[in-house]
């Protein structure tokens, strides 16, 4: 079977950019079993409420829901199980130090296929306050209004 070339978006956490300031992003692999890969390729995955936890110098994604593969057998894995992330040791140490800092979290932003392999985009994020969210909404509305006025003008 030939490998696919390029990137195909499978799932995205739109809520993350609304609720957090994104400080830094990392690309990491994820350990999956065969039925999970087939289900993810079909787009039956949800990372909306997921986060990353580091324990015993290993990174795990928690709360990611992968629906059971319909053509799979009775040995389908638990949809909410913790899945190990594939990162270098230096990256894990850096992420551990950042996540222990006050107000920072490790949040998955998107899940995609890169050259036939499932990858996770991981963000080091700091939570927004309510007034920060309101400010972002006001800025977005102002820029839309300016665009609208420019279109009317020309």
N, C-alpha and C. Protein backbone atom coordinates (compact mmCIF):
# COMPACT_ATOMS: atom_id res chain seq x y z
N UNK A 1 0.84 -1.17 0.00
CA UNK A 1 0.00 0.00 0.00
C UNK A 1 0.89 1.24 0.00
N UNK A 2 0.72 2.17 -0.96
CA UNK A 2 1.58 3.35 -1.03
C UNK A 2 1.26 4.33 0.09
N UNK A 3 2.31 5.00 0.58
CA UNK A 3 2.13 5.98 1.65
C UNK A 3 1.50 7.24 1.09
N UNK A 4 0.64 7.86 1.89
CA UNK A 4 0.03 9.12 1.50
C UNK A 4 1.03 10.24 1.76
N UNK A 5 1.06 11.21 0.86
CA UNK A 5 1.96 12.33 0.99
C UNK A 5 1.15 13.57 1.35
N UNK A 6 1.67 14.39 2.26
CA UNK A 6 0.98 15.62 2.64
C UNK A 6 0.33 15.51 4.00
N UNK A 7 -0.49 16.52 4.30
CA UNK A 7 -1.14 16.60 5.60
C UNK A 7 -2.65 16.64 5.40
N UNK A 8 -3.36 15.82 6.18
CA UNK A 8 -4.81 15.79 6.14
C UNK A 8 -5.33 16.02 7.56
N UNK A 9 -6.11 17.07 7.74
CA UNK A 9 -6.66 17.41 9.05
C UNK A 9 -7.74 16.41 9.43
N UNK A 10 -7.65 15.83 10.64
CA UNK A 10 -8.63 14.85 11.10
C UNK A 10 -9.55 15.41 12.19
N UNK A 11 -9.00 16.15 13.13
CA UNK A 11 -9.79 16.75 14.21
C UNK A 11 -9.08 18.01 14.68
N UNK A 12 -9.88 18.96 15.15
CA UNK A 12 -9.32 20.23 15.59
C UNK A 12 -10.03 20.66 16.87
N UNK A 13 -9.27 21.27 17.77
CA UNK A 13 -9.81 21.78 19.02
C UNK A 13 -9.97 23.29 18.88
N UNK A 14 -11.12 23.73 18.34
CA UNK A 14 -11.35 25.16 18.12
C UNK A 14 -11.51 25.91 19.44
N UNK A 15 -12.01 25.22 20.44
CA UNK A 15 -12.24 25.84 21.74
C UNK A 15 -10.92 26.28 22.39
N UNK A 16 -9.83 25.60 22.07
CA UNK A 16 -8.54 25.89 22.71
C UNK A 16 -8.06 27.30 22.41
N UNK A 17 -8.16 27.73 21.17
CA UNK A 17 -7.69 29.07 20.81
C UNK A 17 -8.58 30.16 21.42
N UNK A 18 -9.81 29.82 21.73
CA UNK A 18 -10.71 30.77 22.36
C UNK A 18 -10.45 30.88 23.87
N UNK A 19 -10.12 29.77 24.50
CA UNK A 19 -9.98 29.74 25.95
C UNK A 19 -8.55 29.93 26.46
N UNK A 20 -7.55 29.85 25.58
CA UNK A 20 -6.15 29.88 26.01
C UNK A 20 -5.32 30.79 25.12
N UNK A 21 -4.26 31.35 25.70
CA UNK A 21 -3.19 31.99 24.94
C UNK A 21 -2.22 30.88 24.58
N UNK A 22 -1.92 30.70 23.30
CA UNK A 22 -1.01 29.65 22.85
C UNK A 22 0.42 30.21 22.89
N UNK A 23 1.26 29.64 23.74
CA UNK A 23 2.63 30.10 23.90
C UNK A 23 3.57 29.40 22.92
N UNK A 24 3.45 28.07 22.80
CA UNK A 24 4.37 27.28 21.98
C UNK A 24 3.64 26.03 21.51
N UNK A 25 4.05 25.49 20.35
CA UNK A 25 3.42 24.28 19.85
C UNK A 25 4.49 23.23 19.53
N UNK A 26 4.09 21.97 19.64
CA UNK A 26 4.96 20.83 19.35
C UNK A 26 4.18 19.84 18.50
N UNK A 27 4.89 19.13 17.64
CA UNK A 27 4.30 18.04 16.88
C UNK A 27 4.79 16.74 17.51
N UNK A 28 3.87 15.82 17.79
CA UNK A 28 4.27 14.56 18.40
C UNK A 28 3.47 13.41 17.80
N UNK A 29 4.06 12.25 17.84
CA UNK A 29 3.38 11.04 17.43
C UNK A 29 2.51 10.54 18.57
N UNK A 30 1.68 9.55 18.27
CA UNK A 30 0.78 9.01 19.28
C UNK A 30 0.71 7.50 19.11
N UNK A 31 0.72 6.77 20.22
CA UNK A 31 0.69 5.31 20.19
C UNK A 31 -0.78 4.87 20.10
N UNK A 32 -1.12 4.17 19.02
CA UNK A 32 -2.48 3.71 18.78
C UNK A 32 -2.48 2.24 18.40
N UNK A 33 -3.63 1.59 18.53
CA UNK A 33 -3.79 0.22 18.02
C UNK A 33 -4.53 0.31 16.69
N UNK A 34 -4.53 -0.78 15.93
CA UNK A 34 -5.05 -0.79 14.57
C UNK A 34 -6.46 -0.27 14.41
N UNK A 35 -7.37 -0.72 15.26
CA UNK A 35 -8.76 -0.29 15.17
C UNK A 35 -8.89 1.21 15.41
N UNK A 36 -8.07 1.75 16.31
CA UNK A 36 -8.12 3.18 16.60
C UNK A 36 -7.67 3.98 15.38
N UNK A 37 -6.65 3.52 14.70
CA UNK A 37 -6.15 4.23 13.51
C UNK A 37 -7.24 4.29 12.45
N UNK A 38 -7.93 3.17 12.24
CA UNK A 38 -9.00 3.14 11.23
C UNK A 38 -10.14 4.07 11.62
N UNK A 39 -10.48 4.11 12.88
CA UNK A 39 -11.54 4.98 13.34
C UNK A 39 -11.14 6.45 13.22
N UNK A 40 -9.89 6.77 13.54
CA UNK A 40 -9.40 8.15 13.43
C UNK A 40 -9.37 8.58 11.98
N UNK A 41 -8.94 7.70 11.08
CA UNK A 41 -8.93 8.03 9.65
C UNK A 41 -10.33 8.32 9.14
N UNK A 42 -11.32 7.68 9.74
CA UNK A 42 -12.72 7.93 9.35
C UNK A 42 -13.24 9.21 9.99
N UNK A 43 -12.45 9.87 10.83
CA UNK A 43 -12.84 11.13 11.45
C UNK A 43 -13.68 10.98 12.69
N UNK A 44 -13.66 9.81 13.32
CA UNK A 44 -14.49 9.55 14.49
C UNK A 44 -13.67 9.74 15.77
N UNK A 45 -13.17 10.95 15.95
CA UNK A 45 -12.33 11.28 17.10
C UNK A 45 -12.73 12.67 17.61
N UNK A 46 -12.61 12.87 18.93
CA UNK A 46 -12.94 14.14 19.55
C UNK A 46 -11.84 14.52 20.54
N UNK A 47 -11.23 15.68 20.34
CA UNK A 47 -10.17 16.14 21.25
C UNK A 47 -10.57 17.42 21.98
N UNK A 48 -11.86 17.72 22.00
CA UNK A 48 -12.35 18.97 22.58
C UNK A 48 -12.01 19.09 24.07
N UNK A 49 -12.20 18.04 24.83
CA UNK A 49 -11.96 18.10 26.28
C UNK A 49 -10.66 17.44 26.70
N UNK A 50 -9.77 17.21 25.76
CA UNK A 50 -8.53 16.49 26.05
C UNK A 50 -7.46 17.42 26.62
N UNK A 51 -6.54 16.83 27.36
CA UNK A 51 -5.36 17.53 27.87
C UNK A 51 -4.23 16.52 27.98
N UNK A 52 -3.03 17.02 28.22
CA UNK A 52 -1.85 16.15 28.30
C UNK A 52 -1.33 16.15 29.73
N UNK A 53 -1.03 14.96 30.22
CA UNK A 53 -0.48 14.76 31.56
C UNK A 53 0.88 14.09 31.42
N UNK A 54 1.84 14.52 32.22
CA UNK A 54 3.17 13.91 32.21
C UNK A 54 3.35 13.18 33.52
N UNK A 55 3.59 11.85 33.42
CA UNK A 55 3.88 11.06 34.61
C UNK A 55 4.97 10.05 34.29
N UNK A 56 5.87 9.86 35.21
CA UNK A 56 7.02 8.96 35.06
C UNK A 56 7.83 9.28 33.80
N UNK A 57 8.04 10.56 33.54
CA UNK A 57 8.80 11.04 32.37
C UNK A 57 8.23 10.52 31.05
N UNK A 58 6.92 10.35 30.99
CA UNK A 58 6.22 10.00 29.75
C UNK A 58 5.00 10.90 29.63
N UNK A 59 4.66 11.27 28.40
CA UNK A 59 3.51 12.15 28.17
C UNK A 59 2.32 11.31 27.69
N UNK A 60 1.15 11.58 28.24
CA UNK A 60 -0.07 10.87 27.89
C UNK A 60 -1.16 11.89 27.59
N UNK A 61 -1.95 11.62 26.55
CA UNK A 61 -3.12 12.44 26.27
C UNK A 61 -4.32 11.80 26.98
N UNK A 62 -5.06 12.61 27.74
CA UNK A 62 -6.17 12.15 28.56
C UNK A 62 -7.45 12.84 28.06
N UNK A 63 -8.52 12.09 27.97
CA UNK A 63 -9.80 12.66 27.59
C UNK A 63 -10.07 12.70 26.10
N UNK A 64 -9.19 12.14 25.31
CA UNK A 64 -9.42 12.08 23.87
C UNK A 64 -10.34 10.88 23.59
N UNK A 65 -11.44 11.13 22.90
CA UNK A 65 -12.41 10.06 22.62
C UNK A 65 -12.24 9.57 21.19
N UNK A 66 -11.93 8.29 21.03
CA UNK A 66 -11.86 7.64 19.72
C UNK A 66 -12.97 6.60 19.70
N UNK A 67 -13.96 6.82 18.84
CA UNK A 67 -15.10 5.91 18.77
C UNK A 67 -14.64 4.53 18.34
N UNK A 68 -15.26 3.48 18.87
CA UNK A 68 -14.89 2.12 18.46
C UNK A 68 -15.14 1.92 16.97
N UNK A 69 -14.24 1.20 16.34
CA UNK A 69 -14.35 0.92 14.90
C UNK A 69 -15.49 -0.07 14.68
N UNK A 70 -16.41 0.29 13.80
CA UNK A 70 -17.63 -0.52 13.62
C UNK A 70 -17.34 -1.91 13.09
N UNK A 71 -16.36 -2.06 12.21
CA UNK A 71 -16.03 -3.37 11.68
C UNK A 71 -15.02 -4.12 12.55
N UNK A 72 -14.68 -3.52 13.68
CA UNK A 72 -13.73 -4.16 14.59
C UNK A 72 -14.41 -5.30 15.33
N UNK A 73 -13.62 -6.03 16.10
CA UNK A 73 -14.18 -7.16 16.84
C UNK A 73 -14.41 -6.78 18.30
N UNK A 74 -14.61 -7.74 19.13
CA UNK A 74 -14.93 -7.46 20.54
C UNK A 74 -13.73 -6.95 21.32
N UNK A 75 -12.56 -6.93 20.72
CA UNK A 75 -11.35 -6.48 21.40
C UNK A 75 -11.05 -5.00 21.14
N UNK A 76 -12.06 -4.23 20.73
CA UNK A 76 -11.87 -2.79 20.57
C UNK A 76 -11.43 -2.19 21.90
N UNK A 77 -10.45 -1.29 21.89
CA UNK A 77 -9.97 -0.69 23.15
C UNK A 77 -10.99 0.31 23.71
N UNK A 78 -10.80 0.67 24.96
CA UNK A 78 -11.64 1.66 25.63
C UNK A 78 -11.54 3.00 24.89
N UNK A 79 -12.66 3.64 24.54
CA UNK A 79 -12.61 4.89 23.79
C UNK A 79 -11.91 6.04 24.53
N UNK A 80 -11.90 6.03 25.86
CA UNK A 80 -11.32 7.11 26.64
C UNK A 80 -9.97 6.77 27.26
N UNK A 81 -9.32 5.71 26.82
CA UNK A 81 -8.07 5.31 27.46
C UNK A 81 -6.98 6.36 27.23
N UNK A 82 -6.01 6.39 28.14
CA UNK A 82 -4.86 7.29 27.99
C UNK A 82 -3.97 6.76 26.88
N UNK A 83 -3.54 7.65 26.01
CA UNK A 83 -2.67 7.25 24.90
C UNK A 83 -1.32 7.95 25.04
N UNK A 84 -0.26 7.18 24.88
CA UNK A 84 1.09 7.70 25.05
C UNK A 84 1.48 8.57 23.86
N UNK A 85 2.17 9.66 24.16
CA UNK A 85 2.68 10.55 23.11
C UNK A 85 4.16 10.29 22.90
N UNK A 86 4.60 10.38 21.68
CA UNK A 86 5.99 10.12 21.32
C UNK A 86 6.74 11.44 21.18
N UNK A 87 7.54 11.74 22.19
CA UNK A 87 8.34 12.95 22.24
C UNK A 87 9.75 12.60 22.70
N UNK A 88 10.71 13.48 22.40
CA UNK A 88 12.07 13.30 22.90
C UNK A 88 12.12 13.60 24.39
N UNK A 89 13.09 13.01 25.10
CA UNK A 89 13.19 13.20 26.54
C UNK A 89 13.38 14.67 26.92
N UNK A 90 14.19 15.39 26.12
CA UNK A 90 14.41 16.80 26.42
C UNK A 90 13.11 17.59 26.28
N UNK A 91 12.30 17.24 25.28
CA UNK A 91 11.02 17.91 25.10
C UNK A 91 10.09 17.62 26.27
N UNK A 92 10.07 16.37 26.73
CA UNK A 92 9.20 16.01 27.85
C UNK A 92 9.63 16.76 29.11
N UNK A 93 10.93 16.86 29.37
CA UNK A 93 11.41 17.60 30.55
C UNK A 93 11.03 19.07 30.47
N UNK A 94 11.16 19.65 29.29
CA UNK A 94 10.80 21.05 29.09
C UNK A 94 9.29 21.25 29.30
N UNK A 95 8.49 20.34 28.73
CA UNK A 95 7.04 20.44 28.88
C UNK A 95 6.61 20.25 30.33
N UNK A 96 7.29 19.37 31.04
CA UNK A 96 6.96 19.14 32.45
C UNK A 96 7.22 20.40 33.26
N UNK A 97 8.36 21.05 33.01
CA UNK A 97 8.68 22.29 33.72
C UNK A 97 7.68 23.38 33.38
N UNK A 98 7.30 23.49 32.12
CA UNK A 98 6.34 24.52 31.72
C UNK A 98 4.95 24.26 32.29
N UNK A 99 4.55 22.99 32.33
CA UNK A 99 3.20 22.68 32.80
C UNK A 99 3.08 22.87 34.32
N UNK A 100 4.19 22.79 35.03
CA UNK A 100 4.15 23.01 36.47
C UNK A 100 4.16 24.49 36.82
N UNK A 101 4.48 25.34 35.83
CA UNK A 101 4.43 26.78 36.07
C UNK A 101 2.97 27.19 36.27
N UNK A 102 2.78 28.27 36.99
CA UNK A 102 1.43 28.69 37.38
C UNK A 102 0.61 29.12 36.16
N UNK A 103 -0.54 28.50 35.98
CA UNK A 103 -1.48 28.90 34.94
C UNK A 103 -1.26 28.26 33.58
N UNK A 104 -0.25 27.42 33.41
CA UNK A 104 0.03 26.81 32.11
C UNK A 104 -0.54 25.40 32.04
N UNK A 105 -0.99 25.04 30.84
CA UNK A 105 -1.55 23.72 30.57
C UNK A 105 -0.99 23.20 29.26
N UNK A 106 -1.09 21.88 29.08
CA UNK A 106 -0.70 21.25 27.83
C UNK A 106 -1.99 20.79 27.15
N UNK A 107 -2.29 21.40 26.01
CA UNK A 107 -3.56 21.19 25.33
C UNK A 107 -3.32 20.71 23.90
N UNK A 108 -4.01 19.64 23.46
CA UNK A 108 -3.91 19.26 22.05
C UNK A 108 -4.72 20.22 21.17
N UNK A 109 -4.10 20.71 20.11
CA UNK A 109 -4.78 21.63 19.20
C UNK A 109 -5.42 20.92 18.02
N UNK A 110 -4.71 19.95 17.45
CA UNK A 110 -5.26 19.26 16.29
C UNK A 110 -4.66 17.88 16.16
N UNK A 111 -5.37 17.05 15.41
CA UNK A 111 -4.95 15.70 15.10
C UNK A 111 -4.97 15.59 13.58
N UNK A 112 -3.88 15.14 12.98
CA UNK A 112 -3.80 15.10 11.53
C UNK A 112 -2.93 13.95 11.05
N UNK A 113 -3.06 13.64 9.77
CA UNK A 113 -2.22 12.64 9.13
C UNK A 113 -1.07 13.35 8.43
N UNK A 114 0.13 12.94 8.71
CA UNK A 114 1.31 13.49 8.05
C UNK A 114 2.08 12.33 7.44
N UNK A 115 2.09 12.26 6.14
CA UNK A 115 2.74 11.16 5.41
C UNK A 115 2.24 9.80 5.87
N UNK A 116 0.94 9.70 6.10
CA UNK A 116 0.32 8.44 6.47
C UNK A 116 0.38 8.09 7.95
N UNK A 117 0.94 8.96 8.78
CA UNK A 117 1.04 8.70 10.21
C UNK A 117 0.21 9.72 10.98
N UNK A 118 -0.42 9.27 12.06
CA UNK A 118 -1.25 10.15 12.88
C UNK A 118 -0.35 10.97 13.79
N UNK A 119 -0.51 12.29 13.73
CA UNK A 119 0.28 13.21 14.54
C UNK A 119 -0.66 14.09 15.35
N UNK A 120 -0.16 14.57 16.49
CA UNK A 120 -0.92 15.44 17.38
C UNK A 120 -0.16 16.74 17.52
N UNK A 121 -0.84 17.87 17.34
CA UNK A 121 -0.22 19.17 17.58
C UNK A 121 -0.54 19.57 19.02
N UNK A 122 0.50 19.73 19.80
CA UNK A 122 0.39 19.97 21.24
C UNK A 122 0.79 21.41 21.52
N UNK A 123 0.03 22.10 22.38
CA UNK A 123 0.32 23.49 22.70
C UNK A 123 0.57 23.68 24.18
N UNK A 124 1.54 24.54 24.48
CA UNK A 124 1.72 25.01 25.84
C UNK A 124 0.88 26.28 25.92
N UNK A 125 -0.15 26.26 26.78
CA UNK A 125 -1.14 27.33 26.76
C UNK A 125 -1.36 27.90 28.16
N UNK A 126 -1.72 29.17 28.18
CA UNK A 126 -2.06 29.84 29.45
C UNK A 126 -3.51 30.27 29.35
N UNK A 127 -4.28 29.96 30.39
CA UNK A 127 -5.71 30.23 30.37
C UNK A 127 -6.04 31.71 30.29
N UNK A 128 -7.07 32.04 29.50
CA UNK A 128 -7.53 33.41 29.38
C UNK A 128 -8.56 33.72 30.46
N UNK A 129 -8.56 34.94 30.89
CA UNK A 129 -9.59 35.44 31.79
C UNK A 129 -10.78 35.89 30.95
N UNK A 130 -11.90 36.14 31.59
CA UNK A 130 -13.11 36.53 30.89
C UNK A 130 -12.92 37.84 30.13
N UNK A 131 -12.20 38.80 30.73
CA UNK A 131 -12.01 40.08 30.05
C UNK A 131 -11.09 39.94 28.84
N UNK A 132 -10.17 38.95 28.85
CA UNK A 132 -9.33 38.70 27.68
C UNK A 132 -10.17 38.18 26.52
N UNK A 133 -11.10 37.29 26.82
CA UNK A 133 -11.97 36.75 25.78
C UNK A 133 -12.84 37.85 25.18
N UNK A 134 -13.38 38.72 26.05
CA UNK A 134 -14.21 39.82 25.56
C UNK A 134 -13.40 40.77 24.68
N UNK A 135 -12.16 41.01 25.06
CA UNK A 135 -11.28 41.87 24.27
C UNK A 135 -11.04 41.27 22.88
N UNK A 136 -10.78 39.97 22.81
CA UNK A 136 -10.57 39.30 21.53
C UNK A 136 -11.81 39.39 20.64
N UNK A 137 -12.97 39.19 21.23
CA UNK A 137 -14.22 39.27 20.47
C UNK A 137 -14.42 40.69 19.94
N UNK A 138 -14.15 41.71 20.76
CA UNK A 138 -14.29 43.10 20.34
C UNK A 138 -13.34 43.42 19.19
N UNK A 139 -12.09 42.92 19.27
CA UNK A 139 -11.12 43.15 18.20
C UNK A 139 -11.58 42.49 16.91
N UNK A 140 -12.07 41.26 16.99
CA UNK A 140 -12.54 40.55 15.81
C UNK A 140 -13.72 41.28 15.16
N UNK A 141 -14.66 41.76 15.99
CA UNK A 141 -15.80 42.49 15.46
C UNK A 141 -15.37 43.79 14.81
N UNK A 142 -14.42 44.50 15.41
CA UNK A 142 -13.94 45.75 14.84
C UNK A 142 -13.26 45.52 13.49
N UNK A 143 -12.45 44.46 13.40
CA UNK A 143 -11.78 44.19 12.11
C UNK A 143 -12.79 43.78 11.04
N UNK A 144 -13.83 43.04 11.40
CA UNK A 144 -14.87 42.70 10.43
C UNK A 144 -15.60 43.95 9.94
N UNK A 145 -15.88 44.86 10.87
CA UNK A 145 -16.57 46.10 10.51
C UNK A 145 -15.71 46.94 9.57
N UNK A 146 -14.41 47.02 9.82
CA UNK A 146 -13.51 47.76 8.94
C UNK A 146 -13.47 47.13 7.56
N UNK A 147 -13.42 45.80 7.49
CA UNK A 147 -13.44 45.10 6.19
C UNK A 147 -14.73 45.41 5.44
N UNK A 148 -15.84 45.40 6.15
CA UNK A 148 -17.14 45.68 5.54
C UNK A 148 -17.18 47.10 4.98
N UNK A 149 -16.67 48.06 5.73
CA UNK A 149 -16.65 49.47 5.28
C UNK A 149 -15.73 49.63 4.07
N UNK A 150 -14.60 48.92 4.07
CA UNK A 150 -13.68 49.01 2.93
C UNK A 150 -14.31 48.45 1.66
N UNK A 151 -15.07 47.36 1.79
CA UNK A 151 -15.75 46.79 0.63
C UNK A 151 -16.81 47.73 0.08
N UNK A 152 -17.55 48.39 0.99
CA UNK A 152 -18.59 49.34 0.56
C UNK A 152 -17.98 50.54 -0.13
N UNK A 153 -16.81 50.94 0.33
CA UNK A 153 -16.15 52.13 -0.20
C UNK A 153 -15.65 51.92 -1.63
N UNK A 154 -15.16 50.73 -1.91
CA UNK A 154 -14.56 50.47 -3.23
C UNK A 154 -15.45 49.68 -4.08
